[in-house]
Amino acid sequence: MKIIDTMTPGKPFLSLEFFPPKERSEWPAFFHTVERLRELNPLFASVTYGAGGSTHGDSLEIVSRLKRDHGLETMAHLTCIGTQCSDVHAFLDELTRAGVDNVLALRGDLPQDTSPESSLHRPLRYASELVALIRRTHPHIGLGVAAYPEVHPEAETPEADLAHLMLKLNHGADFAITQLFFDNRLYFDFVRNARNNGIIKPIIPGILPVVSLKVVKRIVSLCGTVIPQDFMAQLEEADRHGGAAEVQKLGVAHARSQTEALLAGGAPGVHLYTLNRADTVLEVTAGVSALAGGLR
């Protein structure tokens, strides 16, 4: 089933993003985490994979097991840069055989062993082209795409970035999920601007609970997100006086506050980047009244 067909206006939802473990020896612990988070009754769960599809096969197996063994509606990440159309077709066919009906279509990062020049000779260079291909060849598949409240790092202007989002949606994507952010005003301003420019499809905010200063600094350095100065000061103060435990406590509280305010402000749902940490996600969602009706 397409994820968009399970969204009900006025009924807030939670969705989760998982990351395939690097080693298969870690899989039992990973699926135990998945089983613990099933109690949140997420609308769907997405599964990412490494740059250039380095864990492409693992991603396929994991999304299949999440659907078959854990009863979760799943969405596989699929990147296209440096990829041949035949490879995309093969992956989509495998997803279909496994009963997985949804894809998050992304441009992705260039594979490490591929030069920018060689990528120019590949037919797929942008997420909008991937969306168009999937919609044309596999119309039964539900499609999500990425959106950037703080503007994509490579975008020339915010207007150009919004135009790229509109192109992806016009080519057939059903909804967008945002890059992580820590200031809700960025999301609401972004959605307001998108609506004013004719974008009416759902835009789901993506939230990352801070679990450590080292982890969050590495993540934001990769995606271009900015941590507000006052929140960073609080995190650094917590780290100095209480260490990692206090940083995580503050990070969980901030993510919970973000989630509550986003849903109260009209966001269709919240997509949590789990970092495969069940305890953290359960703490973030505990007591969020807007989600209470959806919990098992």
C-alpha atoms as a PDB file:
ATOM      1  CA  MET A   1       0.000   0.000   0.000  1.00  0.00           C
ATOM      2  CA  LYS A   2       1.209   3.502  -0.760  1.00  0.00           C
ATOM      3  CA  ILE A   3       2.037   5.452   2.401  1.00  0.00           C
ATOM      4  CA  ILE A   4       0.161   8.498   1.127  1.00  0.00           C
ATOM      5  CA  ASP A   5      -3.041   6.425   1.139  1.00  0.00           C
ATOM      6  CA  THR A   6      -2.628   5.724   4.860  1.00  0.00           C
ATOM      7  CA  MET A   7      -2.329   9.387   5.853  1.00  0.00           C
ATOM      8  CA  THR A   8      -5.532  10.834   7.292  1.00  0.00           C
ATOM      9  CA  PRO A   9      -5.851  14.636   7.463  1.00  0.00           C
ATOM     10  CA  GLY A  10      -6.185  15.772  11.055  1.00  0.00           C
ATOM     11  CA  LYS A  11      -4.815  12.487  12.457  1.00  0.00           C
ATOM     12  CA  PRO A  12      -1.160  13.074  13.437  1.00  0.00           C
ATOM     13  CA  PHE A  13       1.225  10.167  13.014  1.00  0.00           C
ATOM     14  CA  LEU A  14       4.719   9.069  13.858  1.00  0.00           C
ATOM     15  CA  SER A  15       7.165   7.508  11.417  1.00  0.00           C
ATOM     16  CA  LEU A  16      10.633   6.124  12.064  1.00  0.00           C
ATOM     17  CA  GLU A  17      13.925   5.931  10.204  1.00  0.00           C
ATOM     18  CA  PHE A  18      16.321   3.041  10.787  1.00  0.00           C
ATOM     19  CA  PHE A  19      19.926   2.520   9.727  1.00  0.00           C
ATOM     20  CA  PRO A  20      21.149  -0.933   8.671  1.00  0.00           C
ATOM     21  CA  PRO A  21      23.829  -2.244  11.041  1.00  0.00           C
ATOM     22  CA  LYS A  22      27.305  -2.414   9.565  1.00  0.00           C
ATOM     23  CA  GLU A  23      27.785  -6.059  10.560  1.00  0.00           C
ATOM     24  CA  ARG A  24      25.306  -8.907  10.282  1.00  0.00           C
ATOM     25  CA  SER A  25      26.305  -9.968  13.794  1.00  0.00           C
ATOM     26  CA  GLU A  26      24.465  -6.822  14.956  1.00  0.00           C
ATOM     27  CA  TRP A  27      21.217  -7.760  13.229  1.00  0.00           C
ATOM     28  CA  PRO A  28      19.593  -9.596  16.186  1.00  0.00           C
ATOM     29  CA  ALA A  29      19.995  -6.487  18.366  1.00  0.00           C
ATOM     30  CA  PHE A  30      18.711  -4.303  15.531  1.00  0.00           C
ATOM     31  CA  PHE A  31      15.532  -6.311  15.060  1.00  0.00           C
ATOM     32  CA  HIS A  32      15.022  -6.355  18.814  1.00  0.00           C
ATOM     33  CA  THR A  33      15.071  -2.541  18.659  1.00  0.00           C
ATOM     34  CA  VAL A  34      12.544  -2.640  15.829  1.00  0.00           C
ATOM     35  CA  GLU A  35      10.263  -4.912  17.827  1.00  0.00           C
ATOM     36  CA  ARG A  36      10.411  -2.590  20.848  1.00  0.00           C
ATOM     37  CA  LEU A  37       9.455   0.396  18.699  1.00  0.00           C
ATOM     38  CA  ARG A  38       6.521  -1.403  17.105  1.00  0.00           C
ATOM     39  CA  GLU A  39       4.527  -0.447  20.210  1.00  0.00           C
ATOM     40  CA  LEU A  40       4.533   3.138  18.916  1.00  0.00           C
ATOM     41  CA  ASN A  41       2.453   1.973  15.955  1.00  0.00           C
ATOM     42  CA  PRO A  42       4.388   4.072  13.414  1.00  0.00           C
ATOM     43  CA  LEU A  43       2.614   4.865  10.174  1.00  0.00           C
ATOM     44  CA  PHE A  44       5.708   3.672   8.330  1.00  0.00           C
ATOM     45  CA  ALA A  45       9.388   2.916   8.789  1.00  0.00           C
ATOM     46  CA  SER A  46      12.110   3.915   6.355  1.00  0.00           C
ATOM     47  CA  VAL A  47      15.494   2.257   5.949  1.00  0.00           C
ATOM     48  CA  THR A  48      18.528   4.146   4.734  1.00  0.00           C
ATOM     49  CA  TYR A  49      21.725   2.778   3.270  1.00  0.00           C
ATOM     50  CA  GLY A  50      25.286   3.919   2.723  1.00  0.00           C
ATOM     51  CA  ALA A  51      26.524   6.319   0.045  1.00  0.00           C
ATOM     52  CA  GLY A  52      26.542   4.735  -3.386  1.00  0.00           C
ATOM     53  CA  GLY A  53      24.443   1.799  -2.179  1.00  0.00           C
ATOM     54  CA  SER A  54      27.281   0.273  -0.146  1.00  0.00           C
ATOM     55  CA  THR A  55      24.707  -1.655   1.895  1.00  0.00           C
ATOM     56  CA  HIS A  56      22.102  -1.860  -0.859  1.00  0.00           C
ATOM     57  CA  GLY A  57      21.532  -5.589  -0.435  1.00  0.00           C
ATOM     58  CA  ASP A  58      21.232  -5.292   3.324  1.00  0.00           C
ATOM     59  CA  SER A  59      18.708  -2.480   2.929  1.00  0.00           C
ATOM     60  CA  LEU A  60      16.550  -4.649   0.691  1.00  0.00           C
ATOM     61  CA  GLU A  61      16.621  -7.568   3.106  1.00  0.00           C
ATOM     62  CA  ILE A  62      15.889  -5.379   6.103  1.00  0.00           C
ATOM     63  CA  VAL A  63      12.901  -3.565   4.572  1.00  0.00           C
ATOM     64  CA  SER A  64      11.544  -6.931   3.492  1.00  0.00           C
ATOM     65  CA  ARG A  65      11.845  -8.347   7.008  1.00  0.00           C
ATOM     66  CA  LEU A  66      10.332  -5.242   8.602  1.00  0.00           C
ATOM     67  CA  LYS A  67       7.298  -5.711   6.359  1.00  0.00           C
ATOM     68  CA  ARG A  68       7.045  -9.503   6.513  1.00  0.00           C
ATOM     69  CA  ASP A  69       8.113 -10.307  10.078  1.00  0.00           C
ATOM     70  CA  HIS A  70       7.294  -7.130  11.999  1.00  0.00           C
ATOM     71  CA  GLY A  71       4.179  -5.904  10.234  1.00  0.00           C
ATOM     72  CA  LEU A  72       5.518  -2.427   9.464  1.00  0.00           C
ATOM     73  CA  GLU A  73       4.713  -0.481   6.312  1.00  0.00           C
ATOM     74  CA  THR A  74       8.208   0.112   4.982  1.00  0.00           C
ATOM     75  CA  MET A  75       9.954   2.573   2.696  1.00  0.00           C
ATOM     76  CA  ALA A  76      13.341   1.873   1.139  1.00  0.00           C
ATOM     77  CA  HIS A  77      15.782   4.676   0.461  1.00  0.00           C
ATOM     78  CA  LEU A  78      16.962   4.725  -3.141  1.00  0.00           C
ATOM     79  CA  THR A  79      19.671   7.033  -4.481  1.00  0.00           C
ATOM     80  CA  CYS A  80      20.352   7.559  -8.163  1.00  0.00           C
ATOM     81  CA  ILE A  81      23.525   9.538  -8.824  1.00  0.00           C
ATOM     82  CA  GLY A  82      26.075   7.378 -10.596  1.00  0.00           C
ATOM     83  CA  THR A  83      23.446   4.666 -11.113  1.00  0.00           C
ATOM     84  CA  GLN A  84      22.200   3.057 -14.299  1.00  0.00           C
ATOM     85  CA  CYS A  85      18.472   2.844 -15.026  1.00  0.00           C
ATOM     86  CA  SER A  86      18.771  -0.939 -15.259  1.00  0.00           C
ATOM     87  CA  ASP A  87      20.028  -1.068 -11.657  1.00  0.00           C
ATOM     88  CA  VAL A  88      17.067   1.009 -10.505  1.00  0.00           C
ATOM     89  CA  HIS A  89      14.643  -1.238 -12.383  1.00  0.00           C
ATOM     90  CA  ALA A  90      16.197  -4.343 -10.805  1.00  0.00           C
ATOM     91  CA  PHE A  91      15.972  -2.920  -7.289  1.00  0.00           C
ATOM     92  CA  LEU A  92      12.367  -1.822  -7.754  1.00  0.00           C
ATOM     93  CA  ASP A  93      11.450  -5.255  -9.103  1.00  0.00           C
ATOM     94  CA  GLU A  94      13.037  -6.866  -6.047  1.00  0.00           C
ATOM     95  CA  LEU A  95      11.120  -4.537  -3.745  1.00  0.00           C
ATOM     96  CA  THR A  96       7.878  -5.412  -5.522  1.00  0.00           C
ATOM     97  CA  ARG A  97       8.510  -9.138  -5.180  1.00  0.00           C
ATOM     98  CA  ALA A  98       9.162  -8.588  -1.460  1.00  0.00           C
ATOM     99  CA  GLY A  99       5.876  -6.726  -1.032  1.00  0.00           C
ATOM    100  CA  VAL A 100       7.523  -3.367  -0.320  1.00  0.00           C
ATOM    101  CA  ASP A 101       5.467  -0.629  -1.943  1.00  0.00           C
ATOM    102  CA  ASN A 102       7.267   2.614  -1.046  1.00  0.00           C
ATOM    103  CA  VAL A 103      10.539   4.360  -1.865  1.00  0.00           C
ATOM    104  CA  LEU A 104      12.241   7.531  -0.668  1.00  0.00           C
ATOM    105  CA  ALA A 105      13.777   8.833  -3.898  1.00  0.00           C
ATOM    106  CA  LEU A 106      17.054  10.701  -3.333  1.00  0.00           C
ATOM    107  CA  ARG A 107      19.906  11.999  -5.409  1.00  0.00           C
ATOM    108  CA  GLY A 108      22.474  10.701  -2.954  1.00  0.00           C
ATOM    109  CA  ASP A 109      26.218  11.199  -2.757  1.00  0.00           C
ATOM    110  CA  LEU A 110      28.576  10.243  -5.542  1.00  0.00           C
ATOM    111  CA  PRO A 111      30.132   6.788  -4.946  1.00  0.00           C
ATOM    112  CA  GLN A 112      33.709   7.088  -3.708  1.00  0.00           C
ATOM    113  CA  ASP A 113      35.146   5.256  -6.709  1.00  0.00           C
ATOM    114  CA  THR A 114      33.306   7.429  -9.251  1.00  0.00           C
ATOM    115  CA  SER A 115      34.400  10.808 -10.573  1.00  0.00           C
ATOM    116  CA  PRO A 116      31.968  13.698 -11.108  1.00  0.00           C
ATOM    117  CA  GLU A 117      32.843  13.592 -14.812  1.00  0.00           C
ATOM    118  CA  SER A 118      31.808   9.975 -15.194  1.00  0.00           C
ATOM    119  CA  SER A 119      28.486  10.654 -13.478  1.00  0.00           C
ATOM    120  CA  LEU A 120      27.596  13.046 -16.275  1.00  0.00           C
ATOM    121  CA  HIS A 121      27.343  10.069 -18.610  1.00  0.00           C
ATOM    122  CA  ARG A 122      24.842   8.313 -16.386  1.00  0.00           C
ATOM    123  CA  PRO A 123      21.161   8.934 -17.203  1.00  0.00           C
ATOM    124  CA  LEU A 124      20.137   9.686 -13.611  1.00  0.00           C
ATOM    125  CA  ARG A 125      21.690  12.691 -11.921  1.00  0.00           C
ATOM    126  CA  TYR A 126      18.876  14.234  -9.875  1.00  0.00           C
ATOM    127  CA  ALA A 127      16.143  12.986  -7.583  1.00  0.00           C
ATOM    128  CA  SER A 128      13.523  14.524  -9.883  1.00  0.00           C
ATOM    129  CA  GLU A 129      14.743  12.256 -12.701  1.00  0.00           C
ATOM    130  CA  LEU A 130      14.561   9.235 -10.396  1.00  0.00           C
ATOM    131  CA  VAL A 131      11.007  10.163  -9.383  1.00  0.00           C
ATOM    132  CA  ALA A 132       9.956  10.481 -13.019  1.00  0.00           C
ATOM    133  CA  LEU A 133      11.500   7.109 -13.868  1.00  0.00           C
ATOM    134  CA  ILE A 134       9.814   5.303 -10.981  1.00  0.00           C
ATOM    135  CA  ARG A 135       6.453   6.871 -11.660  1.00  0.00           C
ATOM    136  CA  ARG A 136       6.697   5.876 -15.316  1.00  0.00           C
ATOM    137  CA  THR A 137       7.914   2.295 -14.861  1.00  0.00           C
ATOM    138  CA  HIS A 138       6.531   1.307 -11.442  1.00  0.00           C
ATOM    139  CA  PRO A 139       3.387   3.407 -10.936  1.00  0.00           C
ATOM    140  CA  HIS A 140       2.198   1.243  -8.034  1.00  0.00           C
ATOM    141  CA  ILE A 141       5.074   2.418  -5.832  1.00  0.00           C
ATOM    142  CA  GLY A 142       4.524   5.182  -3.296  1.00  0.00           C
ATOM    143  CA  LEU A 143       7.108   7.953  -3.459  1.00  0.00           C
ATOM    144  CA  GLY A 144       8.607  10.265  -0.874  1.00  0.00           C
ATOM    145  CA  VAL A 145      11.336  12.850  -1.450  1.00  0.00           C
ATOM    146  CA  ALA A 146      13.561  15.069   0.668  1.00  0.00           C
ATOM    147  CA  ALA A 147      12.976  18.721   1.558  1.00  0.00           C
ATOM    148  CA  TYR A 148      15.344  21.220   3.173  1.00  0.00           C
ATOM    149  CA  PRO A 149      13.955  23.859   5.580  1.00  0.00           C
ATOM    150  CA  GLU A 150      17.454  25.380   5.853  1.00  0.00           C
ATOM    151  CA  VAL A 151      18.052  25.098   2.067  1.00  0.00           C
ATOM    152  CA  HIS A 152      20.107  22.372   0.428  1.00  0.00           C
ATOM    153  CA  PRO A 153      23.846  23.133   0.799  1.00  0.00           C
ATOM    154  CA  GLU A 154      24.309  23.058  -2.981  1.00  0.00           C
ATOM    155  CA  ALA A 155      21.282  25.205  -3.853  1.00  0.00           C
ATOM    156  CA  GLU A 156      22.030  28.579  -5.400  1.00  0.00           C
ATOM    157  CA  THR A 157      19.112  30.281  -3.640  1.00  0.00           C
ATOM    158  CA  PRO A 158      16.162  29.317  -1.424  1.00  0.00           C
ATOM    159  CA  GLU A 159      13.900  29.952  -4.408  1.00  0.00           C
ATOM    160  CA  ALA A 160      15.895  27.545  -6.566  1.00  0.00           C
ATOM    161  CA  ASP A 161      15.796  24.925  -3.813  1.00  0.00           C
ATOM    162  CA  LEU A 162      12.020  25.231  -3.522  1.00  0.00           C
ATOM    163  CA  ALA A 163      11.725  24.931  -7.293  1.00  0.00           C
ATOM    164  CA  HIS A 164      13.627  21.624  -7.138  1.00  0.00           C
ATOM    165  CA  LEU A 165      11.206  20.352  -4.502  1.00  0.00           C
ATOM    166  CA  MET A 166       8.264  21.396  -6.641  1.00  0.00           C
ATOM    167  CA  LEU A 167       9.784  19.581  -9.629  1.00  0.00           C
ATOM    168  CA  LYS A 168      10.104  16.352  -7.639  1.00  0.00           C
ATOM    169  CA  LEU A 169       6.511  16.585  -6.455  1.00  0.00           C
ATOM    170  CA  ASN A 170       5.209  17.521  -9.905  1.00  0.00           C
ATOM    171  CA  HIS A 171       7.002  14.501 -11.381  1.00  0.00           C
ATOM    172  CA  GLY A 172       4.947  12.249  -9.141  1.00  0.00           C
ATOM    173  CA  ALA A 173       6.244  12.203  -5.570  1.00  0.00           C
ATOM    174  CA  ASP A 174       3.466  11.862  -2.981  1.00  0.00           C
ATOM    175  CA  PHE A 175       5.025  13.737  -0.066  1.00  0.00           C
ATOM    176  CA  ALA A 176       8.272  15.149   1.296  1.00  0.00           C
ATOM    177  CA  ILE A 177      10.250  14.482   4.473  1.00  0.00           C
ATOM    178  CA  THR A 178      12.483  17.261   5.724  1.00  0.00           C
ATOM    179  CA  GLN A 179      16.105  17.180   6.661  1.00  0.00           C
ATOM    180  CA  LEU A 180      16.579  17.363  10.418  1.00  0.00           C
ATOM    181  CA  PHE A 181      16.317  20.762  12.102  1.00  0.00           C
ATOM    182  CA  PHE A 182      16.287  22.073  15.666  1.00  0.00           C
ATOM    183  CA  ASP A 183      14.190  25.245  15.349  1.00  0.00           C
ATOM    184  CA  ASN A 184      10.527  24.673  14.512  1.00  0.00           C
ATOM    185  CA  ARG A 185      10.197  28.155  13.046  1.00  0.00           C
ATOM    186  CA  LEU A 186      12.315  26.958  10.127  1.00  0.00           C
ATOM    187  CA  TYR A 187       9.793  24.246   9.346  1.00  0.00           C
ATOM    188  CA  PHE A 188       6.696  26.413   9.639  1.00  0.00           C
ATOM    189  CA  ASP A 189       8.269  29.193   7.552  1.00  0.00           C
ATOM    190  CA  PHE A 190       9.323  26.642   4.942  1.00  0.00           C
ATOM    191  CA  VAL A 191       5.856  25.089   4.724  1.00  0.00           C
ATOM    192  CA  ARG A 192       4.210  28.509   4.519  1.00  0.00           C
ATOM    193  CA  ASN A 193       6.517  29.476   1.650  1.00  0.00           C
ATOM    194  CA  ALA A 194       5.870  26.159  -0.097  1.00  0.00           C
ATOM    195  CA  ARG A 195       2.093  26.611   0.183  1.00  0.00           C
ATOM    196  CA  ASN A 196       2.364  30.167  -1.139  1.00  0.00           C
ATOM    197  CA  ASN A 197       4.166  28.747  -4.163  1.00  0.00           C
ATOM    198  CA  GLY A 198       1.526  26.149  -4.940  1.00  0.00           C
ATOM    199  CA  ILE A 199       2.902  23.082  -3.140  1.00  0.00           C
ATOM    200  CA  ILE A 200      -0.026  21.329  -1.462  1.00  0.00           C
ATOM    201  CA  LYS A 201       1.343  17.831  -0.808  1.00  0.00           C
ATOM    202  CA  PRO A 202       2.291  16.790   2.759  1.00  0.00           C
ATOM    203  CA  ILE A 203       5.640  17.953   4.136  1.00  0.00           C
ATOM    204  CA  ILE A 204       6.660  15.810   7.112  1.00  0.00           C
ATOM    205  CA  PRO A 205       9.168  17.300   9.586  1.00  0.00           C
ATOM    206  CA  GLY A 206      12.221  15.179  10.378  1.00  0.00           C
ATOM    207  CA  ILE A 207      13.460  15.283  13.975  1.00  0.00           C
ATOM    208  CA  LEU A 208      16.745  13.965  15.373  1.00  0.00           C
ATOM    209  CA  PRO A 209      17.053  13.536  19.154  1.00  0.00           C
ATOM    210  CA  VAL A 210      20.511  14.639  20.291  1.00  0.00           C
ATOM    211  CA  VAL A 211      22.244  11.723  22.023  1.00  0.00           C
ATOM    212  CA  SER A 212      25.768  13.160  22.253  1.00  0.00           C
ATOM    213  CA  LEU A 213      27.652  16.291  21.267  1.00  0.00           C
ATOM    214  CA  LYS A 214      30.107  14.325  19.151  1.00  0.00           C
ATOM    215  CA  VAL A 215      27.367  12.567  17.195  1.00  0.00           C
ATOM    216  CA  VAL A 216      25.248  15.642  16.542  1.00  0.00           C
ATOM    217  CA  LYS A 217      28.222  17.783  15.512  1.00  0.00           C
ATOM    218  CA  ARG A 218      29.266  15.143  12.983  1.00  0.00           C
ATOM    219  CA  ILE A 219      25.744  14.841  11.586  1.00  0.00           C
ATOM    220  CA  VAL A 220      25.129  18.571  11.212  1.00  0.00           C
ATOM    221  CA  SER A 221      28.521  19.012   9.562  1.00  0.00           C
ATOM    222  CA  LEU A 222      27.428  16.546   6.885  1.00  0.00           C
ATOM    223  CA  CYS A 223      23.975  17.942   6.181  1.00  0.00           C
ATOM    224  CA  GLY A 224      24.410  21.683   6.711  1.00  0.00           C
ATOM    225  CA  THR A 225      21.909  21.990   9.552  1.00  0.00           C
ATOM    226  CA  VAL A 226      22.532  24.703  12.148  1.00  0.00           C
ATOM    227  CA  ILE A 227      22.075  24.144  15.866  1.00  0.00           C
ATOM    228  CA  PRO A 228      20.643  27.313  17.451  1.00  0.00           C
ATOM    229  CA  GLN A 229      23.210  29.095  19.615  1.00  0.00           C
ATOM    230  CA  ASP A 230      21.161  28.901  22.794  1.00  0.00           C
ATOM    231  CA  PHE A 231      20.520  25.169  22.364  1.00  0.00           C
ATOM    232  CA  MET A 232      24.199  24.520  21.619  1.00  0.00           C
ATOM    233  CA  ALA A 233      25.189  26.480  24.716  1.00  0.00           C
ATOM    234  CA  GLN A 234      22.829  24.355  26.804  1.00  0.00           C
ATOM    235  CA  LEU A 235      24.242  21.156  25.310  1.00  0.00           C
ATOM    236  CA  GLU A 236      27.828  22.226  25.995  1.00  0.00           C
ATOM    237  CA  GLU A 237      26.927  23.215  29.548  1.00  0.00           C
ATOM    238  CA  ALA A 238      25.255  19.856  30.096  1.00  0.00           C
ATOM    239  CA  ASP A 239      28.305  18.077  28.699  1.00  0.00           C
ATOM    240  CA  ARG A 240      30.669  19.939  31.017  1.00  0.00           C
ATOM    241  CA  HIS A 241      28.693  19.296  34.164  1.00  0.00           C
ATOM    242  CA  GLY A 242      26.948  16.005  33.560  1.00  0.00           C
ATOM    243  CA  GLY A 243      28.596  14.334  30.595  1.00  0.00           C
ATOM    244  CA  ALA A 244      26.879  12.270  27.936  1.00  0.00           C
ATOM    245  CA  ALA A 245      23.913  11.336  30.119  1.00  0.00           C
ATOM    246  CA  GLU A 246      22.959  14.970  30.690  1.00  0.00           C
ATOM    247  CA  VAL A 247      23.434  15.825  27.005  1.00  0.00           C
ATOM    248  CA  GLN A 248      21.073  13.025  26.024  1.00  0.00           C
ATOM    249  CA  LYS A 249      18.548  14.056  28.674  1.00  0.00           C
ATOM    250  CA  LEU A 250      18.531  17.593  27.266  1.00  0.00           C
ATOM    251  CA  GLY A 251      18.425  16.327  23.694  1.00  0.00           C
ATOM    252  CA  VAL A 252      15.436  14.083  24.382  1.00  0.00           C
ATOM    253  CA  ALA A 253      13.558  16.916  26.089  1.00  0.00           C
ATOM    254  CA  HIS A 254      14.227  19.215  23.134  1.00  0.00           C
ATOM    255  CA  ALA A 255      13.066  16.606  20.602  1.00  0.00           C
ATOM    256  CA  ARG A 256       9.913  15.947  22.622  1.00  0.00           C
ATOM    257  CA  SER A 257       9.188  19.675  22.803  1.00  0.00           C
ATOM    258  CA  GLN A 258       9.737  19.980  19.051  1.00  0.00           C
ATOM    259  CA  THR A 259       7.414  17.053  18.375  1.00  0.00           C
ATOM    260  CA  GLU A 260       4.632  18.430  20.564  1.00  0.00           C
ATOM    261  CA  ALA A 261       4.843  21.909  19.025  1.00  0.00           C
ATOM    262  CA  LEU A 262       5.024  20.616  15.453  1.00  0.00           C
ATOM    263  CA  LEU A 263       1.912  18.495  15.838  1.00  0.00           C
ATOM    264  CA  ALA A 264       0.069  21.259  17.700  1.00  0.00           C
ATOM    265  CA  GLY A 265       0.990  23.622  14.853  1.00  0.00           C
ATOM    266  CA  GLY A 266      -0.540  21.428  12.173  1.00  0.00           C
ATOM    267  CA  ALA A 267       2.300  19.207  10.930  1.00  0.00           C
ATOM    268  CA  PRO A 268       0.818  16.013   9.420  1.00  0.00           C
ATOM    269  CA  GLY A 269       3.129  13.875  11.512  1.00  0.00           C
ATOM    270  CA  VAL A 270       6.713  13.635  12.726  1.00  0.00           C
ATOM    271  CA  HIS A 271       9.491  11.496  11.246  1.00  0.00           C
ATOM    272  CA  LEU A 272      12.018  10.506  13.911  1.00  0.00           C
ATOM    273  CA  TYR A 273      15.589   9.695  12.944  1.00  0.00           C
ATOM    274  CA  THR A 274      16.036   6.888  15.470  1.00  0.00           C
ATOM    275  CA  LEU A 275      19.782   6.207  15.255  1.00  0.00           C
ATOM    276  CA  ASN A 276      18.541   2.681  16.126  1.00  0.00           C
ATOM    277  CA  ARG A 277      18.097   3.750  19.773  1.00  0.00           C
ATOM    278  CA  ALA A 278      14.851   2.380  21.150  1.00  0.00           C
ATOM    279  CA  ASP A 279      15.150   3.916  24.629  1.00  0.00           C
ATOM    280  CA  THR A 280      15.725   7.379  23.205  1.00  0.00           C
ATOM    281  CA  VAL A 281      12.764   7.213  20.829  1.00  0.00           C
ATOM    282  CA  LEU A 282      10.463   5.867  23.548  1.00  0.00           C
ATOM    283  CA  GLU A 283      11.502   8.721  25.835  1.00  0.00           C
ATOM    284  CA  VAL A 284      10.892  11.315  23.115  1.00  0.00           C
ATOM    285  CA  THR A 285       7.389  10.063  22.382  1.00  0.00           C
ATOM    286  CA  ALA A 286       6.335   9.406  25.984  1.00  0.00           C
ATOM    287  CA  GLY A 287       3.480  11.683  26.941  1.00  0.00           C
ATOM    288  CA  VAL A 288       3.050  13.350  23.528  1.00  0.00           C
ATOM    289  CA  SER A 289      -0.725  13.739  23.679  1.00  0.00           C
ATOM    290  CA  ALA A 290      -1.249  14.176  19.930  1.00  0.00           C
ATOM    291  CA  LEU A 291       0.168  10.686  19.350  1.00  0.00           C
ATOM    292  CA  ALA A 292      -1.590   8.967  22.253  1.00  0.00           C
ATOM    293  CA  GLY A 293      -4.505   7.779  20.142  1.00  0.00           C
ATOM    294  CA  GLY A 294      -2.171   5.991  17.753  1.00  0.00           C
ATOM    295  CA  LEU A 295      -0.178   4.039  20.346  1.00  0.00           C
ATOM    296  CA  ARG A 296      -0.928   0.397  20.895  1.00  0.00           C
END
